[in-house]
Amino acid sequence: MPRALSALLFSLFLACGSTNDDPPNPGGEACEKYSFPLSDTSSASHVSSCSSTGCGNGENPPNSGMHCPTWLSCRSFDTEQPRCSWIHNLEHGHAVFLYNCPEGCPDEVAKLEAAQAQAAVGSNGVHRALVAPDSQLPKRFAALLWRRTYLMDAVDPDALTCLLALQDVDAGEPGLVCPP
């Protein structure tokens, strides 16, 4: 009997795989060269004001944490949007693509918009992602999902495709539609 139990437990271990929070090989072999580690879990409560300095999880850019009770439309913005709002988008499983190009970078923004068009589509037919400038970024570009951040000096479309393979995996309220 102990031998049968040991075999059963070993089989369950193999079937369940790793206890790591990351799904094995998201996006296939082409994505193995990228790392999208999970940030620590933080409160996902709503703050009373979208201009609150208490939004986010303390990371730059924030990829989870306290946020506004409202969220943004899933589209491309040409003006900076409140971080407190797009954090709420992340909680809903939306992707957020950010850029910091004071001198302009239309070709790179076009690559972010192309990634936006690859994001999961909600039941209302809208791609669940947004693109916006963010002057506080530590690098020129960032791609975010709930609790995941990928920072870049130049947009890497392959990395964005691989990150999107994780859309909804960790979100607090995954799969929610986004208004256009």
N, C-alpha and C. Protein backbone atom coordinates (compact mmCIF):
# COMPACT_ATOMS: atom_id res chain seq x y z
N MET A 1 0.81 -1.20 0.00
CA MET A 1 0.00 0.00 0.00
C MET A 1 0.86 1.27 0.00
N PRO A 2 1.93 1.38 0.86
CA PRO A 2 2.74 2.59 0.82
C PRO A 2 3.38 2.81 -0.55
N ARG A 3 3.78 1.72 -1.22
CA ARG A 3 4.38 1.86 -2.55
C ARG A 3 3.37 2.44 -3.53
N ALA A 4 2.12 1.98 -3.48
CA ALA A 4 1.07 2.49 -4.37
C ALA A 4 0.80 3.96 -4.08
N LEU A 5 0.79 4.34 -2.81
CA LEU A 5 0.57 5.74 -2.44
C LEU A 5 1.72 6.61 -2.94
N SER A 6 2.94 6.13 -2.78
CA SER A 6 4.11 6.88 -3.26
C SER A 6 4.04 7.06 -4.77
N ALA A 7 3.68 6.01 -5.49
CA ALA A 7 3.57 6.10 -6.95
C ALA A 7 2.48 7.10 -7.35
N LEU A 8 1.37 7.07 -6.63
CA LEU A 8 0.27 7.99 -6.91
C LEU A 8 0.71 9.44 -6.67
N LEU A 9 1.37 9.69 -5.55
CA LEU A 9 1.83 11.05 -5.25
C LEU A 9 2.85 11.53 -6.28
N PHE A 10 3.77 10.63 -6.67
CA PHE A 10 4.76 11.00 -7.68
C PHE A 10 4.07 11.32 -9.00
N SER A 11 3.07 10.53 -9.38
CA SER A 11 2.33 10.78 -10.62
C SER A 11 1.60 12.11 -10.56
N LEU A 12 1.01 12.42 -9.42
CA LEU A 12 0.33 13.71 -9.26
C LEU A 12 1.33 14.86 -9.36
N PHE A 13 2.50 14.69 -8.77
CA PHE A 13 3.53 15.72 -8.86
C PHE A 13 3.92 15.98 -10.31
N LEU A 14 4.12 14.91 -11.07
CA LEU A 14 4.48 15.06 -12.48
C LEU A 14 3.36 15.70 -13.27
N ALA A 15 2.12 15.32 -12.98
CA ALA A 15 0.98 15.85 -13.73
C ALA A 15 0.76 17.33 -13.41
N CYS A 16 0.97 17.69 -12.16
CA CYS A 16 0.73 19.07 -11.76
C CYS A 16 1.88 19.98 -12.12
N GLY A 17 3.06 19.42 -12.27
CA GLY A 17 4.22 20.23 -12.65
C GLY A 17 4.75 21.04 -11.49
N SER A 18 5.38 22.13 -11.83
CA SER A 18 6.05 22.99 -10.87
C SER A 18 5.06 23.70 -9.97
N THR A 19 5.52 24.08 -8.81
CA THR A 19 4.70 24.89 -7.91
C THR A 19 4.97 26.37 -8.14
N ASN A 20 5.81 26.71 -9.10
CA ASN A 20 6.10 28.09 -9.45
C ASN A 20 4.81 28.77 -9.90
N ASP A 21 4.68 30.08 -9.64
CA ASP A 21 3.49 30.82 -10.03
C ASP A 21 3.37 31.00 -11.53
N ASP A 22 4.46 30.85 -12.27
CA ASP A 22 4.43 31.06 -13.70
C ASP A 22 3.99 29.80 -14.43
N PRO A 23 3.09 29.93 -15.41
CA PRO A 23 2.75 28.76 -16.21
C PRO A 23 3.98 28.33 -17.00
N PRO A 24 4.15 27.02 -17.21
CA PRO A 24 5.32 26.58 -17.94
C PRO A 24 5.28 27.06 -19.39
N ASN A 25 6.36 27.66 -19.83
CA ASN A 25 6.57 27.99 -21.22
C ASN A 25 5.39 28.72 -21.89
N PRO A 26 4.94 29.86 -21.33
CA PRO A 26 3.84 30.58 -21.98
C PRO A 26 4.26 31.06 -23.36
N GLY A 27 3.45 30.81 -24.34
CA GLY A 27 3.75 31.27 -25.69
C GLY A 27 4.70 30.37 -26.46
N GLY A 28 5.10 29.23 -25.88
CA GLY A 28 5.95 28.29 -26.60
C GLY A 28 7.43 28.58 -26.45
N GLU A 29 8.22 27.84 -27.21
CA GLU A 29 9.68 27.93 -27.13
C GLU A 29 10.20 29.32 -27.46
N ALA A 30 9.55 30.02 -28.36
CA ALA A 30 10.01 31.36 -28.75
C ALA A 30 9.99 32.33 -27.57
N CYS A 31 9.22 32.02 -26.54
CA CYS A 31 9.09 32.93 -25.39
C CYS A 31 10.03 32.57 -24.24
N GLU A 32 10.77 31.51 -24.37
CA GLU A 32 11.65 31.09 -23.27
C GLU A 32 12.72 32.12 -22.93
N LYS A 33 13.09 32.96 -23.89
CA LYS A 33 14.16 33.93 -23.65
C LYS A 33 13.68 35.16 -22.88
N TYR A 34 12.37 35.28 -22.65
CA TYR A 34 11.82 36.43 -21.93
C TYR A 34 11.40 36.03 -20.52
N SER A 35 11.48 37.00 -19.63
CA SER A 35 11.07 36.77 -18.25
C SER A 35 10.05 37.83 -17.86
N PHE A 36 8.92 37.37 -17.35
CA PHE A 36 7.86 38.26 -16.89
C PHE A 36 7.49 37.87 -15.47
N PRO A 37 8.40 38.11 -14.51
CA PRO A 37 8.16 37.65 -13.14
C PRO A 37 6.96 38.34 -12.49
N LEU A 38 6.34 37.62 -11.58
CA LEU A 38 5.21 38.15 -10.83
C LEU A 38 5.70 39.05 -9.70
N SER A 39 5.07 40.20 -9.54
CA SER A 39 5.33 41.05 -8.39
C SER A 39 4.62 40.46 -7.18
N ASP A 40 5.00 40.90 -6.01
CA ASP A 40 4.33 40.46 -4.79
C ASP A 40 2.86 40.86 -4.83
N THR A 41 2.05 40.10 -4.15
CA THR A 41 0.63 40.41 -4.03
C THR A 41 0.48 41.66 -3.16
N SER A 42 -0.41 42.54 -3.56
CA SER A 42 -0.69 43.75 -2.77
C SER A 42 -2.19 43.98 -2.75
N SER A 43 -2.63 44.89 -1.93
CA SER A 43 -4.05 45.21 -1.84
C SER A 43 -4.58 45.67 -3.18
N ALA A 44 -5.78 45.24 -3.51
CA ALA A 44 -6.42 45.67 -4.75
C ALA A 44 -7.66 46.51 -4.44
N SER A 45 -7.62 47.20 -3.32
CA SER A 45 -8.75 48.03 -2.89
C SER A 45 -8.87 49.27 -3.75
N HIS A 46 -10.06 49.86 -3.70
CA HIS A 46 -10.30 51.11 -4.40
C HIS A 46 -9.97 52.29 -3.49
N VAL A 47 -9.39 53.34 -4.05
CA VAL A 47 -9.15 54.58 -3.33
C VAL A 47 -10.29 55.53 -3.64
N SER A 48 -10.45 56.55 -2.82
CA SER A 48 -11.58 57.46 -3.00
C SER A 48 -11.36 58.47 -4.12
N SER A 49 -10.09 58.78 -4.43
CA SER A 49 -9.79 59.78 -5.45
C SER A 49 -8.78 59.23 -6.45
N CYS A 50 -9.07 59.45 -7.72
CA CYS A 50 -8.15 58.96 -8.76
C CYS A 50 -6.85 59.75 -8.80
N SER A 51 -6.77 60.85 -8.08
CA SER A 51 -5.52 61.60 -8.01
C SER A 51 -4.73 61.22 -6.75
N SER A 52 -5.16 60.18 -6.08
CA SER A 52 -4.50 59.74 -4.85
C SER A 52 -3.06 59.32 -5.11
N THR A 53 -2.19 59.65 -4.19
CA THR A 53 -0.80 59.21 -4.27
C THR A 53 -0.64 57.81 -3.69
N GLY A 54 -1.71 57.25 -3.14
CA GLY A 54 -1.67 55.92 -2.56
C GLY A 54 -1.96 54.81 -3.54
N CYS A 55 -2.01 55.12 -4.83
CA CYS A 55 -2.30 54.10 -5.84
C CYS A 55 -1.06 53.27 -6.14
N GLY A 56 -1.30 52.03 -6.52
CA GLY A 56 -0.21 51.18 -6.97
C GLY A 56 0.41 50.36 -5.87
N ASN A 57 1.45 49.64 -6.26
CA ASN A 57 2.13 48.71 -5.35
C ASN A 57 3.54 49.16 -5.01
N GLY A 58 3.88 50.41 -5.30
CA GLY A 58 5.20 50.92 -4.98
C GLY A 58 6.23 50.71 -6.07
N GLU A 59 5.89 49.98 -7.13
CA GLU A 59 6.81 49.78 -8.24
C GLU A 59 6.63 50.90 -9.26
N ASN A 60 7.62 51.08 -10.11
CA ASN A 60 7.52 52.06 -11.18
C ASN A 60 7.81 51.36 -12.51
N PRO A 61 6.78 51.24 -13.32
CA PRO A 61 5.39 51.63 -13.11
C PRO A 61 4.67 50.59 -12.24
N PRO A 62 3.62 51.02 -11.57
CA PRO A 62 2.86 50.07 -10.75
C PRO A 62 2.13 49.07 -11.65
N ASN A 63 2.09 47.82 -11.23
CA ASN A 63 1.40 46.80 -12.02
C ASN A 63 0.27 46.14 -11.24
N SER A 64 -0.02 46.66 -10.06
CA SER A 64 -1.12 46.17 -9.24
C SER A 64 -1.24 47.11 -8.05
N GLY A 65 -2.12 46.79 -7.15
CA GLY A 65 -2.27 47.60 -5.94
C GLY A 65 -3.55 48.39 -5.92
N MET A 66 -3.61 49.29 -4.95
CA MET A 66 -4.80 50.13 -4.79
C MET A 66 -4.99 50.97 -6.05
N HIS A 67 -6.27 51.22 -6.40
CA HIS A 67 -6.56 51.90 -7.66
C HIS A 67 -7.92 52.59 -7.59
N CYS A 68 -8.22 53.36 -8.64
CA CYS A 68 -9.49 54.08 -8.76
C CYS A 68 -10.65 53.11 -8.94
N PRO A 69 -11.84 53.56 -8.61
CA PRO A 69 -13.01 52.72 -8.90
C PRO A 69 -13.40 52.76 -10.38
N THR A 70 -12.78 53.64 -11.17
CA THR A 70 -13.07 53.74 -12.60
C THR A 70 -11.85 53.25 -13.39
N TRP A 71 -12.08 52.88 -14.65
CA TRP A 71 -11.00 52.43 -15.51
C TRP A 71 -11.09 53.18 -16.82
N LEU A 72 -10.09 52.98 -17.65
CA LEU A 72 -10.00 53.70 -18.92
C LEU A 72 -10.55 52.89 -20.08
N SER A 73 -10.90 53.58 -21.15
CA SER A 73 -11.28 52.92 -22.39
C SER A 73 -10.06 52.20 -22.95
N CYS A 74 -10.30 51.14 -23.66
CA CYS A 74 -9.21 50.40 -24.31
C CYS A 74 -9.01 50.98 -25.70
N ARG A 75 -8.05 51.88 -25.77
CA ARG A 75 -7.72 52.57 -27.01
C ARG A 75 -6.33 53.16 -26.87
N SER A 76 -5.90 53.89 -27.86
CA SER A 76 -4.60 54.56 -27.80
C SER A 76 -4.82 56.02 -27.42
N PHE A 77 -4.14 56.45 -26.36
CA PHE A 77 -4.23 57.83 -25.87
C PHE A 77 -2.98 58.58 -26.30
N ASP A 78 -3.11 59.88 -26.57
CA ASP A 78 -1.92 60.67 -26.86
C ASP A 78 -1.58 61.61 -25.71
N THR A 79 -2.33 61.52 -24.63
CA THR A 79 -2.03 62.27 -23.41
C THR A 79 -1.89 61.30 -22.25
N GLU A 80 -1.11 61.70 -21.28
CA GLU A 80 -0.87 60.87 -20.10
C GLU A 80 -2.19 60.63 -19.35
N GLN A 81 -2.38 59.42 -18.88
CA GLN A 81 -3.59 59.03 -18.17
C GLN A 81 -3.26 58.73 -16.71
N PRO A 82 -4.22 58.90 -15.80
CA PRO A 82 -3.94 58.63 -14.39
C PRO A 82 -3.55 57.17 -14.16
N ARG A 83 -2.43 56.98 -13.52
CA ARG A 83 -1.98 55.63 -13.21
C ARG A 83 -3.04 54.90 -12.39
N CYS A 84 -3.69 55.61 -11.51
CA CYS A 84 -4.71 55.02 -10.65
C CYS A 84 -5.83 54.37 -11.48
N SER A 85 -6.10 54.92 -12.64
CA SER A 85 -7.16 54.38 -13.50
C SER A 85 -6.69 53.15 -14.26
N TRP A 86 -5.50 53.24 -14.90
CA TRP A 86 -5.10 52.07 -15.69
C TRP A 86 -4.70 50.89 -14.83
N ILE A 87 -4.40 51.11 -13.56
CA ILE A 87 -4.18 49.97 -12.66
C ILE A 87 -5.47 49.15 -12.57
N HIS A 88 -6.61 49.84 -12.57
CA HIS A 88 -7.90 49.14 -12.55
C HIS A 88 -8.07 48.32 -13.83
N ASN A 89 -7.63 48.86 -14.96
CA ASN A 89 -7.66 48.08 -16.20
C ASN A 89 -6.86 46.79 -16.04
N LEU A 90 -5.69 46.90 -15.44
CA LEU A 90 -4.85 45.71 -15.24
C LEU A 90 -5.59 44.66 -14.41
N GLU A 91 -6.27 45.10 -13.37
CA GLU A 91 -7.01 44.16 -12.51
C GLU A 91 -8.05 43.38 -13.33
N HIS A 92 -8.60 44.02 -14.36
CA HIS A 92 -9.61 43.38 -15.21
C HIS A 92 -9.01 42.47 -16.27
N GLY A 93 -7.70 42.33 -16.27
CA GLY A 93 -7.05 41.47 -17.26
C GLY A 93 -6.69 42.19 -18.54
N HIS A 94 -6.76 43.52 -18.53
CA HIS A 94 -6.37 44.29 -19.71
C HIS A 94 -4.86 44.47 -19.71
N ALA A 95 -4.28 44.60 -20.89
CA ALA A 95 -2.86 44.93 -21.03
C ALA A 95 -2.73 46.44 -21.13
N VAL A 96 -1.62 46.96 -20.60
CA VAL A 96 -1.34 48.39 -20.67
C VAL A 96 0.06 48.55 -21.26
N PHE A 97 0.15 49.32 -22.35
CA PHE A 97 1.41 49.59 -23.03
C PHE A 97 1.71 51.08 -22.87
N LEU A 98 2.87 51.39 -22.30
CA LEU A 98 3.22 52.77 -21.97
C LEU A 98 4.49 53.19 -22.69
N TYR A 99 4.62 54.49 -22.92
CA TYR A 99 5.83 55.01 -23.54
C TYR A 99 6.19 56.36 -22.93
N ASN A 100 7.49 56.67 -22.93
CA ASN A 100 8.01 57.94 -22.44
C ASN A 100 8.96 58.48 -23.50
N CYS A 101 8.40 59.23 -24.43
CA CYS A 101 9.16 59.77 -25.57
C CYS A 101 8.85 61.26 -25.70
N PRO A 102 9.45 62.11 -24.88
CA PRO A 102 9.16 63.55 -24.98
C PRO A 102 9.45 64.12 -26.37
N GLU A 103 10.43 63.53 -27.06
CA GLU A 103 10.79 64.00 -28.40
C GLU A 103 9.93 63.35 -29.48
N GLY A 104 9.04 62.45 -29.09
CA GLY A 104 8.20 61.73 -30.03
C GLY A 104 8.85 60.43 -30.50
N CYS A 105 8.03 59.43 -30.75
CA CYS A 105 8.53 58.14 -31.24
C CYS A 105 7.39 57.42 -31.96
N PRO A 106 6.88 57.99 -33.03
CA PRO A 106 5.70 57.42 -33.70
C PRO A 106 5.88 55.99 -34.18
N ASP A 107 7.06 55.62 -34.64
CA ASP A 107 7.27 54.25 -35.12
C ASP A 107 7.16 53.25 -33.97
N GLU A 108 7.71 53.61 -32.82
CA GLU A 108 7.65 52.72 -31.66
C GLU A 108 6.22 52.66 -31.09
N VAL A 109 5.53 53.79 -31.06
CA VAL A 109 4.14 53.79 -30.60
C VAL A 109 3.29 52.92 -31.53
N ALA A 110 3.57 52.95 -32.82
CA ALA A 110 2.85 52.09 -33.77
C ALA A 110 3.06 50.61 -33.42
N LYS A 111 4.25 50.25 -32.96
CA LYS A 111 4.50 48.86 -32.55
C LYS A 111 3.68 48.52 -31.30
N LEU A 112 3.56 49.47 -30.36
CA LEU A 112 2.72 49.24 -29.18
C LEU A 112 1.26 49.08 -29.59
N GLU A 113 0.83 49.89 -30.54
CA GLU A 113 -0.56 49.79 -31.03
C GLU A 113 -0.79 48.48 -31.77
N ALA A 114 0.22 47.97 -32.44
CA ALA A 114 0.11 46.66 -33.10
C ALA A 114 -0.04 45.57 -32.04
N ALA A 115 0.68 45.69 -30.93
CA ALA A 115 0.53 44.73 -29.83
C ALA A 115 -0.86 44.84 -29.21
N GLN A 116 -1.35 46.07 -29.08
CA GLN A 116 -2.70 46.29 -28.56
C GLN A 116 -3.72 45.52 -29.40
N ALA A 117 -3.52 45.53 -30.71
CA ALA A 117 -4.43 44.83 -31.63
C ALA A 117 -4.31 43.31 -31.52
N GLN A 118 -3.28 42.81 -30.83
CA GLN A 118 -3.13 41.36 -30.59
C GLN A 118 -3.73 40.93 -29.26
N ALA A 119 -4.11 41.89 -28.42
CA ALA A 119 -4.64 41.56 -27.09
C ALA A 119 -5.95 40.80 -27.22
N ALA A 120 -6.29 40.10 -26.15
CA ALA A 120 -7.55 39.35 -26.11
C ALA A 120 -8.71 40.30 -26.38
N VAL A 121 -9.72 39.77 -27.03
CA VAL A 121 -10.90 40.55 -27.39
C VAL A 121 -12.03 40.22 -26.43
N GLY A 122 -12.68 41.27 -25.92
CA GLY A 122 -13.81 41.08 -25.02
C GLY A 122 -15.07 40.71 -25.79
N SER A 123 -16.10 40.36 -25.06
CA SER A 123 -17.36 39.96 -25.71
C SER A 123 -18.00 41.12 -26.47
N ASN A 124 -17.53 42.35 -26.22
CA ASN A 124 -18.03 43.51 -26.97
C ASN A 124 -17.21 43.79 -28.22
N GLY A 125 -16.23 42.92 -28.53
CA GLY A 125 -15.43 43.06 -29.73
C GLY A 125 -14.24 43.99 -29.61
N VAL A 126 -13.99 44.53 -28.41
CA VAL A 126 -12.90 45.48 -28.19
C VAL A 126 -11.67 44.73 -27.66
N HIS A 127 -10.50 45.02 -28.25
CA HIS A 127 -9.25 44.46 -27.75
C HIS A 127 -9.01 45.02 -26.35
N ARG A 128 -8.73 44.16 -25.41
CA ARG A 128 -8.63 44.55 -24.00
C ARG A 128 -7.21 45.03 -23.66
N ALA A 129 -6.86 46.18 -24.23
CA ALA A 129 -5.54 46.78 -24.00
C ALA A 129 -5.61 48.27 -24.32
N LEU A 130 -4.69 49.01 -23.72
CA LEU A 130 -4.60 50.43 -24.02
C LEU A 130 -3.14 50.83 -24.16
N VAL A 131 -2.94 51.95 -24.85
CA VAL A 131 -1.61 52.52 -25.07
C VAL A 131 -1.68 53.97 -24.59
N ALA A 132 -0.67 54.39 -23.82
CA ALA A 132 -0.66 55.77 -23.31
C ALA A 132 0.76 56.21 -22.98
N PRO A 133 1.01 57.52 -23.06
CA PRO A 133 2.29 58.01 -22.59
C PRO A 133 2.34 58.02 -21.06
N ASP A 134 3.54 57.92 -20.51
CA ASP A 134 3.74 57.98 -19.06
C ASP A 134 5.13 58.57 -18.82
N SER A 135 5.20 59.81 -18.35
CA SER A 135 6.47 60.51 -18.18
C SER A 135 7.29 60.01 -16.99
N GLN A 136 6.73 59.12 -16.18
CA GLN A 136 7.44 58.63 -15.00
C GLN A 136 8.18 57.31 -15.22
N LEU A 137 8.10 56.76 -16.42
CA LEU A 137 8.73 55.46 -16.68
C LEU A 137 10.24 55.52 -16.48
N PRO A 138 10.82 54.47 -15.92
CA PRO A 138 12.28 54.42 -15.77
C PRO A 138 13.00 54.06 -17.08
N LYS A 139 12.28 53.52 -18.05
CA LYS A 139 12.80 53.25 -19.39
C LYS A 139 11.82 53.88 -20.38
N ARG A 140 12.12 53.77 -21.66
CA ARG A 140 11.26 54.42 -22.65
C ARG A 140 9.92 53.72 -22.83
N PHE A 141 9.87 52.40 -22.60
CA PHE A 141 8.65 51.65 -22.87
C PHE A 141 8.38 50.63 -21.77
N ALA A 142 7.09 50.38 -21.55
CA ALA A 142 6.70 49.36 -20.58
C ALA A 142 5.45 48.65 -21.09
N ALA A 143 5.40 47.37 -20.83
CA ALA A 143 4.21 46.56 -21.12
C ALA A 143 3.80 45.91 -19.80
N LEU A 144 2.53 46.04 -19.47
CA LEU A 144 2.07 45.57 -18.17
C LEU A 144 0.85 44.68 -18.26
N LEU A 145 0.82 43.70 -17.40
CA LEU A 145 -0.35 42.92 -17.06
C LEU A 145 -0.44 42.98 -15.53
N TRP A 146 -1.52 42.52 -14.96
CA TRP A 146 -1.65 42.53 -13.51
C TRP A 146 -0.48 41.76 -12.89
N ARG A 147 0.32 42.45 -12.08
CA ARG A 147 1.47 41.91 -11.35
C ARG A 147 2.66 41.55 -12.24
N ARG A 148 2.66 42.00 -13.51
CA ARG A 148 3.79 41.72 -14.41
C ARG A 148 4.16 43.00 -15.16
N THR A 149 5.47 43.24 -15.28
CA THR A 149 5.97 44.41 -16.00
C THR A 149 7.13 43.99 -16.88
N TYR A 150 7.15 44.50 -18.09
CA TYR A 150 8.28 44.30 -18.98
C TYR A 150 8.74 45.67 -19.45
N LEU A 151 9.95 46.08 -19.03
CA LEU A 151 10.50 47.38 -19.39
C LEU A 151 11.46 47.24 -20.56
N MET A 152 11.46 48.23 -21.46
CA MET A 152 12.28 48.16 -22.68
C MET A 152 12.82 49.54 -23.03
N ASP A 153 13.98 49.57 -23.67
CA ASP A 153 14.50 50.80 -24.26
C ASP A 153 14.00 50.95 -25.69
N ALA A 154 13.67 49.83 -26.33
CA ALA A 154 13.08 49.80 -27.67
C ALA A 154 11.98 48.74 -27.66
N VAL A 155 10.91 48.98 -28.37
CA VAL A 155 9.79 48.05 -28.38
C VAL A 155 10.21 46.74 -29.05
N ASP A 156 9.94 45.65 -28.36
CA ASP A 156 10.24 44.31 -28.87
C ASP A 156 8.90 43.59 -29.11
N PRO A 157 8.41 43.58 -30.36
CA PRO A 157 7.11 42.96 -30.64
C PRO A 157 7.02 41.50 -30.21
N ASP A 158 8.12 40.75 -30.33
CA ASP A 158 8.08 39.34 -29.92
C ASP A 158 7.85 39.22 -28.41
N ALA A 159 8.51 40.07 -27.65
CA ALA A 159 8.32 40.05 -26.19
C ALA A 159 6.88 40.40 -25.84
N LEU A 160 6.31 41.37 -26.54
CA LEU A 160 4.92 41.76 -26.26
C LEU A 160 3.95 40.63 -26.58
N THR A 161 4.21 39.92 -27.66
CA THR A 161 3.37 38.76 -28.01
C THR A 161 3.46 37.71 -26.90
N CYS A 162 4.66 37.47 -26.41
CA CYS A 162 4.85 36.49 -25.34
C CYS A 162 4.18 36.94 -24.04
N LEU A 163 4.29 38.22 -23.72
CA LEU A 163 3.62 38.73 -22.53
C LEU A 163 2.10 38.56 -22.65
N LEU A 164 1.57 38.84 -23.82
CA LEU A 164 0.12 38.72 -24.02
C LEU A 164 -0.37 37.28 -23.87
N ALA A 165 0.53 36.30 -24.00
CA ALA A 165 0.15 34.90 -23.75
C ALA A 165 -0.24 34.70 -22.29
N LEU A 166 0.12 35.64 -21.42
CA LEU A 166 -0.21 35.56 -19.99
C LEU A 166 -1.41 36.43 -19.62
N GLN A 167 -2.02 37.08 -20.60
CA GLN A 167 -3.16 37.95 -20.30
C GLN A 167 -4.24 37.15 -19.58
N ASP A 168 -4.76 37.68 -18.51
CA ASP A 168 -5.82 37.09 -17.67
C ASP A 168 -5.32 36.02 -16.71
N VAL A 169 -4.07 35.55 -16.83
CA VAL A 169 -3.59 34.46 -15.97
C VAL A 169 -3.61 34.86 -14.50
N ASP A 170 -3.17 36.06 -14.17
CA ASP A 170 -3.03 36.47 -12.78
C ASP A 170 -4.00 37.57 -12.36
N ALA A 171 -4.78 38.09 -13.28
CA ALA A 171 -5.65 39.23 -12.98
C ALA A 171 -6.67 38.89 -11.89
N GLY A 172 -6.95 39.89 -11.07
CA GLY A 172 -7.92 39.72 -10.00
C GLY A 172 -9.33 39.51 -10.51
N GLU A 173 -9.67 40.18 -11.60
CA GLU A 173 -10.99 40.08 -12.22
C GLU A 173 -10.79 39.84 -13.72
N PRO A 174 -10.28 38.66 -14.10
CA PRO A 174 -9.88 38.43 -15.49
C PRO A 174 -11.05 38.41 -16.46
N GLY A 175 -10.73 38.77 -17.70
CA GLY A 175 -11.66 38.59 -18.81
C GLY A 175 -12.74 39.66 -18.93
N LEU A 176 -12.70 40.70 -18.12
CA LEU A 176 -13.76 41.70 -18.20
C LEU A 176 -13.61 42.54 -19.46
N VAL A 177 -14.74 42.92 -20.04
CA VAL A 177 -14.73 43.72 -21.26
C VAL A 177 -14.21 45.11 -20.95
N CYS A 178 -13.84 45.80 -21.99
CA CYS A 178 -13.32 47.16 -21.88
C CYS A 178 -14.09 48.04 -22.84
N PRO A 179 -14.53 49.21 -22.39
CA PRO A 179 -15.22 50.10 -23.33
C PRO A 179 -14.24 50.64 -24.36
N PRO A 180 -14.73 50.89 -25.58
CA PRO A 180 -13.86 51.44 -26.64
C PRO A 180 -13.48 52.89 -26.35
